[in-house]
C-alpha cells in the first residue's frame, strides 16, 4: 500500500505536482466491463479530495487550544457529504451504481473522511478493506493492533488512521449513577463533545469548574422528567478534580446514594462522572447542570436599576431571563419559601435517605457559595421561581453514616448534623438581612 502521510507545508495543496501521491490502477473489470464507473482524471480527483479535506477542517470544533480535543460531529459530517462531494467515491472503480438506491456509502462517510485527512492514496483497495468486510462507521474507533496489522492498513497508515479517528467519534454523555472509566489503552483517547471555548467559572481547594457546551444530540438523559436527547447545544458545568484530591470512600458512597439524592429537587446531583487518565492518580470530570450563579453571588447583587437587570441577565447562563421568571417583581415570601425548601433538603439528607432512613448524610460545608441558584425556563407560571430554585451542591466534605436503630443514634443528632443546621440558620438570617429590610415588595 502507498501512503504519503500527513505533512505540513507553506505550499498550497493546489500548487503541488498533479501526479504527486497518485496511484491509478485499472482493474480487469474496468478494462472489460463498459458499465463500470468512469474514473475522474487524476488531477480532477486530487482537487476534489483537497476540497473535501478543506471542508472537514472547517467543520472541526473544540473547547480550546488543548491538544487532542478537536472533534467533528457525525451529523454535520454526513450533511457535508453533498452530491458534489460524493462524486469522490462514486467515481472510484469499486463503486457500484446499485448502491445509490439505499445510499450504502453514507455508512462509510466517517472512514472515507479519516482516510482523506491522512492522505490515503490506495483507494482501489477501499472496497476490499472496508466494504467487503462490513467495516463501516459503527466500527469507529478501531483498535490499534487491528489497524496496523499487515492484513488491514499496515503499520504506517494504521497508526495515522488510529490517531485521526478520535476526532470523528466524540462521546455521547449519558446520565449515569456509575462513574465512567476512560483509563484503558484505547478509552483514554476518547474526546468529549464540547464545541465552544471553555469558560472558567469557579475554583475550589481541590477542583476547578468550567462552563462547557455539549453539542446537540450528545447528551442523553435517563430520567423521565427530561427529553431523552438534547436537541440543541447544552451549556453545563464541568468540575475537574485532579488525581490524589478525591476521597475515594466518600466519592463511592455518594455514587451509591445518587439514585436517592436525585429524588429531591433541591439537592444537586451530577449528570455523569468520568474518570480519565492515569489509573493511579486519575482526573475526575464531573458534569452538572449549569446554574445561574451561587447564593453568595445572589445575596451580593444590587438590582435596583435597569442596567443591573441587564448584567444579571448576562450572568444567568442557561436560564430564564429575569423578566420571564418574574424576578423583576418578587416578594419576601419568595425568599422565605426557598429557605423552607432548603431546610427540607437538609432534613432529607439527615433523616430521610432511603425511605426507611437507613442512612444519613452531613454536608459539612454548607455555605452560600455551595448553594446553587437555578431559574427554570418554563411556560407555566407555577413553574417559575422569582428568586430561583436553591439547590445544595458540592458534597466533597460530606460524611455518610449508617443509622443504628438499636441505640437510636442518628447523624441528625451528631456534631456534623448540628453544623449543617447552624449553617442553614446563618444563611437564612443573612438573606433576610440583605433583602427583607428593603420592604415587603421589591424588584431586582
Protein backbone atom coordinates (compact mmCIF):
# COMPACT_ATOMS: atom_id res chain seq x y z
CA UNK A 1 0.00 0.00 0.00
CA UNK A 2 1.12 3.56 -0.69
CA UNK A 3 0.76 6.48 1.65
CA UNK A 4 2.43 9.86 1.62
CA UNK A 5 1.50 10.61 5.26
CA UNK A 6 0.43 13.88 6.89
CA UNK A 7 2.78 16.75 6.27
CA UNK A 8 2.91 20.45 6.96
CA UNK A 9 3.90 22.86 4.18
CA UNK A 10 3.60 26.51 3.25
CA UNK A 11 2.82 25.47 -0.32
CA UNK A 12 -0.85 25.26 -1.27
CA UNK A 13 -2.07 21.76 -1.99
CA UNK A 14 -3.49 23.01 -5.29
CA UNK A 15 0.00 24.08 -6.40
CA UNK A 16 1.56 20.66 -5.99
CA UNK A 17 2.52 18.37 -8.83
CA UNK A 18 -0.78 16.84 -10.12
CA UNK A 19 0.88 13.44 -10.19
CA UNK A 20 2.15 13.55 -6.61
CA UNK A 21 0.82 10.75 -4.45
CA UNK A 22 -1.26 9.21 -7.27
CA UNK A 23 -1.75 5.52 -7.78
CA UNK A 24 -4.09 4.72 -10.66
CA UNK A 25 -4.60 1.01 -11.05
CA UNK A 26 -7.07 -0.19 -13.67
CA UNK A 27 -8.76 -3.43 -12.68
CA UNK A 28 -9.60 -6.20 -15.16
CA UNK A 29 -13.29 -5.42 -14.65
CA UNK A 30 -12.78 -1.79 -15.69
CA UNK A 31 -10.99 -2.94 -18.89
CA UNK A 32 -13.68 -5.43 -19.91
CA UNK A 33 -16.92 -4.02 -18.45
CA UNK A 34 -18.20 -0.93 -20.29
CA UNK A 35 -20.69 -0.22 -17.47
CA UNK A 36 -18.01 0.11 -14.81
CA UNK A 37 -17.90 3.63 -13.23
CA UNK A 38 -15.74 6.06 -15.15
CA UNK A 39 -12.98 7.47 -13.01
CA UNK A 40 -12.20 11.19 -12.96
CA UNK A 41 -8.88 12.23 -14.34
CA UNK A 42 -6.20 12.11 -11.67
CA UNK A 43 -5.94 15.91 -11.36
CA UNK A 44 -9.73 16.30 -11.01
CA UNK A 45 -9.88 13.68 -8.27
CA UNK A 46 -6.98 15.26 -6.47
CA UNK A 47 -8.62 18.69 -6.49
CA UNK A 48 -11.92 17.24 -5.28
CA UNK A 49 -10.10 15.44 -2.46
CA UNK A 50 -8.45 18.72 -1.43
CA UNK A 51 -11.84 20.46 -1.32
CA UNK A 52 -13.26 17.70 0.89
CA UNK A 53 -10.25 17.96 3.20
CA UNK A 54 -10.64 21.75 3.46
CA UNK A 55 -14.32 21.32 4.23
CA UNK A 56 -13.52 18.84 7.01
CA UNK A 57 -11.07 21.29 8.56
CA UNK A 58 -13.73 23.99 8.56
CA UNK A 59 -16.11 21.67 10.43
CA UNK A 60 -13.62 20.90 13.19
CA UNK A 61 -14.69 22.13 16.62
CA UNK A 62 -13.08 22.11 20.03
CA UNK A 63 -13.27 23.67 23.51
CA UNK A 64 -9.81 25.24 23.47
CA UNK A 65 -6.31 25.06 22.09
CA UNK A 66 -5.87 21.89 24.12
CA UNK A 67 -4.08 19.13 22.25
CA UNK A 68 -6.27 16.24 21.09
CA UNK A 69 -9.58 17.96 21.88
CA UNK A 70 -10.82 18.74 18.37
CA UNK A 71 -13.94 16.94 17.13
CA UNK A 72 -16.14 16.64 14.06
CA UNK A 73 -19.82 15.97 14.79
CA UNK A 74 -21.32 12.93 12.98
CA UNK A 75 -24.47 14.71 11.77
CA UNK A 76 -22.54 17.66 10.39
CA UNK A 77 -20.16 15.22 8.73
CA UNK A 78 -22.94 13.35 6.93
CA UNK A 79 -24.66 16.61 5.93
CA UNK A 80 -21.40 17.84 4.41
CA UNK A 81 -21.22 14.94 2.00
CA UNK A 82 -23.40 16.59 -0.63
CA UNK A 83 -23.87 15.17 -4.12
CA UNK A 84 -20.93 17.26 -5.29
CA UNK A 85 -18.51 15.73 -2.79
CA UNK A 86 -19.95 12.24 -3.16
CA UNK A 87 -18.51 12.17 -6.65
CA UNK A 88 -15.21 11.48 -4.94
CA UNK A 89 -16.23 7.93 -4.08
CA UNK A 90 -18.83 7.39 -6.79
CA UNK A 91 -16.08 7.71 -9.40
CA UNK A 92 -13.91 5.10 -7.74
CA UNK A 93 -13.58 1.81 -9.63
CA UNK A 94 -15.03 -0.28 -6.82
CA UNK A 95 -18.24 1.75 -6.56
CA UNK A 96 -21.44 0.07 -7.75
CA UNK A 97 -24.33 2.18 -9.11
CA UNK A 98 -26.93 -0.02 -7.40
CA UNK A 99 -25.65 1.20 -4.03
CA UNK A 100 -27.35 4.55 -4.77
CA UNK A 101 -30.79 3.03 -4.09
CA UNK A 102 -30.07 2.51 -0.38
CA UNK A 103 -27.36 5.17 -0.06
CA UNK A 104 -24.98 2.48 1.21
CA UNK A 105 -21.88 4.64 1.35
CA UNK A 106 -23.41 7.06 3.89
CA UNK A 107 -22.37 4.43 6.43
CA UNK A 108 -18.75 4.94 5.39
CA UNK A 109 -18.53 8.74 5.37
CA UNK A 110 -16.53 8.77 8.60
CA UNK A 111 -13.99 6.25 7.37
CA UNK A 112 -13.62 7.95 3.99
CA UNK A 113 -13.16 11.30 5.76
CA UNK A 114 -10.44 9.92 8.03
CA UNK A 115 -8.61 8.45 5.06
CA UNK A 116 -8.81 11.77 3.22
CA UNK A 117 -7.43 13.61 6.25
CA UNK A 118 -4.41 11.29 6.45
CA UNK A 119 -3.90 11.48 2.66
CA UNK A 120 -4.56 7.83 1.95
CA UNK A 121 -3.73 7.01 -1.70
CA UNK A 122 -4.59 3.35 -2.24
CA UNK A 123 -8.29 3.97 -2.95
CA UNK A 124 -8.55 1.00 -5.27
CA UNK A 125 -8.25 -1.20 -2.17
CA UNK A 126 -11.03 0.54 -0.22
CA UNK A 127 -13.78 -1.84 -1.30
CA UNK A 128 -11.77 -4.89 -0.28
CA UNK A 129 -10.52 -3.45 3.00
CA UNK A 130 -13.78 -1.96 4.26
CA UNK A 131 -16.96 -2.67 2.29
CA UNK A 132 -16.46 -6.38 1.66
CA UNK A 133 -15.72 -6.91 5.38
CA UNK A 134 -18.54 -4.61 6.61
CA UNK A 135 -16.09 -2.29 8.35
CA UNK A 136 -18.33 0.78 8.41
CA UNK A 137 -18.54 3.84 10.66
CA UNK A 138 -20.05 1.84 13.51
CA UNK A 139 -16.65 0.19 13.95
CA UNK A 140 -15.01 3.54 14.81
CA UNK A 141 -12.89 3.64 16.90
CA UNK A 142 -10.90 0.71 15.54
CA UNK A 143 -8.42 -1.00 17.82
CA UNK A 144 -4.82 -0.01 17.23
CA UNK A 145 -3.46 -3.55 16.85
CA UNK A 146 -6.06 -4.43 14.21
CA UNK A 147 -5.40 -1.28 12.18
CA UNK A 148 -1.63 -1.77 11.99
CA UNK A 149 -1.91 -5.43 11.04
CA UNK A 150 -0.49 -6.15 7.57
CA UNK A 151 -3.81 -7.73 6.55
CA UNK A 152 -5.56 -4.40 7.16
CA UNK A 153 -3.89 -0.98 6.77
CA UNK A 154 -0.37 -1.80 7.82
CA UNK A 155 1.93 -0.04 10.24
CA UNK A 156 2.27 3.49 8.82
CA UNK A 157 -1.27 4.07 7.56
CA UNK A 158 -2.76 2.22 10.51
CA UNK A 159 -1.01 4.48 13.03
CA UNK A 160 -2.16 7.62 11.21
CA UNK A 161 -5.73 6.32 10.98
CA UNK A 162 -5.74 5.43 14.69
CA UNK A 163 -4.61 8.93 15.70
CA UNK A 164 -7.08 10.73 13.43
CA UNK A 165 -10.17 8.60 14.16
CA UNK A 166 -10.73 10.02 17.69
CA UNK A 167 -11.77 13.32 16.15
CA UNK A 168 -14.69 11.59 14.43
CA UNK A 169 -16.22 9.72 17.38
CA UNK A 170 -16.92 12.18 20.23
CA UNK A 171 -18.55 10.69 23.29
CA UNK A 172 -22.28 10.80 23.85
CA UNK A 173 -22.59 11.73 27.53
CA UNK A 174 -25.20 9.55 29.23
CA UNK A 175 -26.76 10.38 32.57
CA UNK A 176 -25.41 7.76 34.90
CA UNK A 177 -25.07 6.91 38.59
CA UNK A 178 -21.88 4.96 37.94
CA UNK A 179 -18.64 6.70 37.07
CA UNK A 180 -17.44 6.01 33.53
CA UNK A 181 -13.79 5.00 33.31
CA UNK A 182 -11.67 6.24 30.43
CA UNK A 183 -8.40 4.84 31.69
CA UNK A 184 -7.70 1.97 29.29
CA UNK A 185 -5.19 2.00 26.45
CA UNK A 186 -7.88 2.92 23.93
CA UNK A 187 -10.53 4.68 26.08
CA UNK A 188 -8.12 7.31 27.35
CA UNK A 189 -8.11 8.87 23.87
CA UNK A 190 -11.88 9.42 23.72
CA UNK A 191 -12.89 13.06 23.28
CA UNK A 192 -15.73 14.96 24.89
CA UNK A 193 -18.45 16.59 22.73
CA UNK A 194 -17.56 20.14 23.80
CA UNK A 195 -17.99 22.60 20.95
CA UNK A 196 -17.13 26.04 22.35
CA UNK A 197 -14.28 27.70 24.17
CA UNK A 198 -14.40 26.71 27.82
CA UNK A 199 -15.01 29.39 30.44
CA UNK A 200 -13.51 29.16 33.90
CA UNK A 201 -16.32 29.93 36.34
CA UNK A 202 -15.11 28.70 39.71
CA UNK A 203 -12.23 27.42 41.81
CA UNK A 204 -12.08 25.33 44.95
CA UNK A 205 -9.47 23.85 47.21
CA UNK A 206 -9.28 20.70 45.12
CA UNK A 207 -11.03 21.49 41.85
CA UNK A 208 -11.67 23.91 39.01
CA UNK A 209 -15.10 24.43 37.44
CA UNK A 210 -15.56 25.27 33.76
CA UNK A 211 -18.55 26.15 31.67
CA UNK A 212 -18.64 23.82 28.67
CA UNK A 213 -21.16 23.47 25.85
CA UNK A 214 -22.20 19.95 24.83
CA UNK A 215 -23.07 19.50 21.15
CA UNK A 216 -26.66 18.77 20.14
CA UNK A 217 -27.59 15.07 20.30
CA UNK A 218 -24.63 14.28 22.55
CA UNK A 219 -26.27 14.40 25.99
CA UNK A 220 -28.66 11.56 26.82
CA UNK A 221 -30.82 11.75 29.93
CA UNK A 222 -32.25 8.73 31.73
CA UNK A 223 -34.82 10.49 33.94
CA UNK A 224 -38.44 10.71 32.73
CA UNK A 225 -38.67 14.43 33.51
CA UNK A 226 -36.30 15.41 30.67
CA UNK A 227 -36.17 14.83 26.96
CA UNK A 228 -34.05 11.79 26.26
CA UNK A 229 -31.62 13.66 23.99
CA UNK A 230 -30.65 17.32 23.84
CA UNK A 231 -31.86 18.83 20.59
CA UNK A 232 -29.67 21.92 20.81
CA UNK A 233 -26.25 22.70 22.33
CA UNK A 234 -26.43 22.42 26.12
CA UNK A 235 -24.26 24.54 28.47
CA UNK A 236 -23.11 22.55 31.51
CA UNK A 237 -20.74 22.90 34.43
CA UNK A 238 -17.70 20.64 34.35
CA UNK A 239 -15.85 20.18 37.65
CA UNK A 240 -12.30 18.93 37.15
CA UNK A 241 -10.64 17.27 40.17
CA UNK A 242 -7.03 16.26 39.70
CA UNK A 243 -5.78 12.87 40.85
CA UNK A 244 -4.99 12.44 44.52
CA UNK A 245 -7.51 15.10 45.65
CA UNK A 246 -10.58 12.86 45.79
CA UNK A 247 -11.63 10.97 48.91
CA UNK A 248 -12.36 7.61 47.32
CA UNK A 249 -14.57 6.27 50.12
CA UNK A 250 -16.85 9.29 50.24
CA UNK A 251 -16.94 9.51 46.45
CA UNK A 252 -18.09 5.91 46.19
CA UNK A 253 -20.69 6.41 48.93
CA UNK A 254 -22.15 9.42 47.12
CA UNK A 255 -22.16 7.42 43.91
CA UNK A 256 -24.20 4.73 45.67
CA UNK A 257 -26.65 7.26 47.12
CA UNK A 258 -27.08 9.27 43.92
CA UNK A 259 -30.26 7.46 42.93
CA UNK A 260 -31.94 8.60 46.14
CA UNK A 261 -30.45 12.09 46.23
CA UNK A 262 -31.87 12.93 42.80
CA UNK A 263 -35.43 12.39 44.10
CA UNK A 264 -35.26 15.73 45.96
CA UNK A 265 -35.42 18.74 43.65
CA UNK A 266 -33.35 20.96 45.95
CA UNK A 267 -30.31 18.71 46.02
CA UNK A 268 -27.77 18.99 43.21
CA UNK A 269 -26.61 15.72 41.68
CA UNK A 270 -24.25 15.19 38.80
CA UNK A 271 -25.33 14.20 35.30
CA UNK A 272 -22.30 11.98 34.83
CA UNK A 273 -18.78 11.43 36.14
CA UNK A 274 -15.76 10.44 34.06
CA UNK A 275 -12.51 9.05 35.41
CA UNK A 276 -9.80 9.69 32.85
CA UNK A 277 -6.06 9.28 32.52
CA UNK A 278 -3.67 7.52 34.83
CA UNK A 279 -5.31 4.75 36.85
CA UNK A 280 -3.25 5.53 39.96
CA UNK A 281 -3.96 9.28 40.04
CA UNK A 282 -6.75 9.83 37.52
CA UNK A 283 -8.55 13.07 36.75
CA UNK A 284 -12.23 13.22 37.68
CA UNK A 285 -14.52 15.17 35.36
CA UNK A 286 -17.95 15.67 36.89
CA UNK A 287 -20.72 17.07 34.68
CA UNK A 288 -23.54 19.10 36.27
CA UNK A 289 -26.43 21.22 35.07
CA UNK A 290 -25.24 24.81 34.80
CA UNK A 291 -26.60 27.17 37.47
CA UNK A 292 -27.13 30.89 37.03
CA UNK A 293 -24.77 31.54 39.95
CA UNK A 294 -24.43 30.59 43.60
CA UNK A 295 -26.34 32.03 46.55
CA UNK A 296 -23.34 34.09 47.63
CA UNK A 297 -23.47 35.99 44.34
CA UNK A 298 -27.26 36.27 44.57
CA UNK A 299 -27.09 37.88 48.05
CA UNK A 300 -24.41 40.34 46.97
CA UNK A 301 -26.31 41.65 43.95
CA UNK A 302 -27.76 45.14 43.89
CA UNK A 303 -30.50 45.11 41.27
CA UNK A 304 -32.19 48.49 41.57
CA UNK A 305 -31.65 49.83 38.03
CA UNK A 306 -32.29 48.53 34.52
CA UNK A 307 -28.52 48.22 33.97
CA UNK A 308 -28.34 45.90 36.98
CA UNK A 309 -31.04 43.72 35.42
CA UNK A 310 -29.13 43.56 32.13
CA UNK A 311 -25.97 42.45 33.92
CA UNK A 312 -27.94 39.84 35.84
CA UNK A 313 -29.45 38.51 32.61
CA UNK A 314 -25.99 38.02 31.11
CA UNK A 315 -24.77 36.13 34.15
CA UNK A 316 -27.58 33.62 34.15
CA UNK A 317 -26.02 31.31 31.57
CA UNK A 318 -28.56 28.65 30.54
CA UNK A 319 -31.52 30.10 32.46
CA UNK A 320 -34.74 32.02 32.04
CA UNK A 321 -34.39 35.79 31.78
CA UNK A 322 -35.30 37.94 34.83
CA UNK A 323 -38.47 39.27 33.24
CA UNK A 324 -39.65 35.85 32.06
CA UNK A 325 -39.08 34.33 35.52
CA UNK A 326 -40.87 37.13 37.43
CA UNK A 327 -37.58 38.11 39.06
CA UNK A 328 -38.35 41.80 38.43
CA UNK A 329 -41.13 41.65 41.00
CA UNK A 330 -40.53 39.23 43.84
CA UNK A 331 -41.67 39.35 47.45
CA UNK A 332 -40.19 38.49 50.81
CA UNK A 333 -42.39 35.40 50.91
CA UNK A 334 -40.48 34.03 47.89
CA UNK A 335 -37.25 34.16 49.88
CA UNK A 336 -38.91 32.52 52.86
CA UNK A 337 -40.33 29.76 50.65
CA UNK A 338 -36.93 28.93 49.21
CA UNK A 339 -35.44 28.94 52.71
CA UNK A 340 -38.08 26.37 53.69
CA UNK A 341 -37.15 24.26 50.67
CA UNK A 342 -33.51 24.46 51.73
CA UNK A 343 -34.39 23.30 55.24
CA UNK A 344 -36.43 20.41 53.86
CA UNK A 345 -33.46 19.34 51.71
CA UNK A 346 -31.27 19.26 54.83
CA UNK A 347 -33.85 17.22 56.71
CA UNK A 348 -33.95 14.82 53.78
CA UNK A 349 -30.19 14.37 53.93
CA UNK A 350 -30.15 13.91 57.71
CA UNK A 351 -33.18 11.68 58.31
CA UNK A 352 -34.87 10.52 55.10
CA UNK A 353 -32.19 8.96 52.87
CA UNK A 354 -33.88 5.89 51.54
CA UNK A 355 -37.45 5.70 52.79
CA UNK A 356 -36.53 3.84 55.95
CA UNK A 357 -33.89 6.37 56.98
CA UNK A 358 -31.22 3.72 56.94
CA UNK A 359 -28.51 6.22 56.00
CA UNK A 360 -27.82 9.82 56.97
CA UNK A 361 -25.59 12.39 55.28
CA UNK A 362 -23.98 15.51 56.72
CA UNK A 363 -22.82 18.08 54.18
CA UNK A 364 -20.17 19.63 56.50
CA UNK A 365 -19.54 22.63 54.22
CA UNK A 366 -22.91 24.31 53.87
CA UNK A 367 -22.47 27.97 52.90
CA UNK A 368 -23.92 30.34 50.27
CA UNK A 369 -21.10 29.50 47.85
CA UNK A 370 -22.19 25.83 47.89
CA UNK A 371 -25.85 26.55 47.21
CA UNK A 372 -26.61 27.00 43.51
CA UNK A 373 -29.40 29.14 42.07
CA UNK A 374 -31.36 27.96 39.03
CA UNK A 375 -34.04 29.75 37.02
CA UNK A 376 -36.02 27.14 35.05
CA UNK A 377 -37.41 28.44 31.77
CA UNK A 378 -41.00 27.19 31.88
CA UNK A 379 -44.27 28.26 30.28
CA UNK A 380 -46.40 27.68 33.39
CA UNK A 381 -46.37 30.47 35.96
CA UNK A 382 -46.44 27.92 38.78
CA UNK A 383 -43.13 26.54 37.49
CA UNK A 384 -41.38 29.91 37.66
CA UNK A 385 -39.25 30.87 40.63
CA UNK A 386 -38.74 34.63 41.19
CA UNK A 387 -35.72 34.09 43.48
CA UNK A 388 -34.66 30.91 41.69
CA UNK A 389 -34.50 27.32 42.85
CA UNK A 390 -31.83 26.89 45.52
CA UNK A 391 -30.00 23.57 45.41
CA UNK A 392 -27.44 22.18 47.84
CA UNK A 393 -24.23 21.30 45.98
CA UNK A 394 -20.58 20.29 46.50
CA UNK A 395 -20.54 17.19 48.67
CA UNK A 396 -16.74 16.97 48.72
CA UNK A 397 -16.59 17.07 52.55
CA UNK A 398 -19.80 15.15 53.14
CA UNK A 399 -19.88 12.26 55.58
CA UNK A 400 -22.27 9.33 55.34
CA UNK A 401 -23.27 7.24 58.34
CA UNK A 402 -25.45 4.18 58.74
CA UNK A 403 -28.15 4.66 61.36
CA UNK A 404 -28.10 2.07 64.16
CA UNK A 405 -31.67 1.57 65.23
CA UNK A 406 -30.81 -0.39 68.38
CA UNK A 407 -29.17 2.62 70.03
CA UNK A 408 -31.25 5.17 68.12
CA UNK A 409 -28.14 7.12 67.18
CA UNK A 410 -28.66 9.11 64.05
CA UNK A 411 -26.43 11.52 62.22
CA UNK A 412 -29.14 14.14 62.72
CA UNK A 413 -28.14 14.19 66.42
CA UNK A 414 -24.42 14.36 65.70
CA UNK A 415 -21.98 17.25 65.62
CA UNK A 416 -21.86 17.14 61.81
CA UNK A 417 -25.61 17.44 61.52
CA UNK A 418 -25.77 20.30 64.03
CA UNK A 419 -23.11 22.07 61.97
CA UNK A 420 -25.32 21.80 58.87
CA UNK A 421 -28.33 23.14 60.78
CA UNK A 422 -26.34 26.04 62.22
CA UNK A 423 -25.02 26.92 58.75
CA UNK A 424 -28.54 26.90 57.33
CA UNK A 425 -29.73 29.31 60.03
CA UNK A 426 -26.85 31.68 59.28
CA UNK A 427 -27.64 31.57 55.54
CA UNK A 428 -31.33 32.27 56.16
CA UNK A 429 -30.50 35.13 58.51
CA UNK A 430 -28.09 36.73 56.05
CA UNK A 431 -30.56 36.65 53.17
CA UNK A 432 -33.31 38.10 55.35
CA UNK A 433 -30.99 40.90 56.50
CA UNK A 434 -29.93 41.60 52.95
CA UNK A 435 -33.34 41.59 51.29
CA UNK A 436 -36.29 41.87 53.66
CA UNK A 437 -35.04 45.18 55.08
CA UNK A 438 -35.82 46.73 51.68
CA UNK A 439 -39.57 46.26 52.28
CA UNK A 440 -42.22 43.63 51.70
CA UNK A 441 -42.12 44.05 47.93
CA UNK A 442 -39.15 44.97 45.77
CA UNK A 443 -37.70 44.46 42.32
CA UNK A 444 -34.31 43.06 41.31
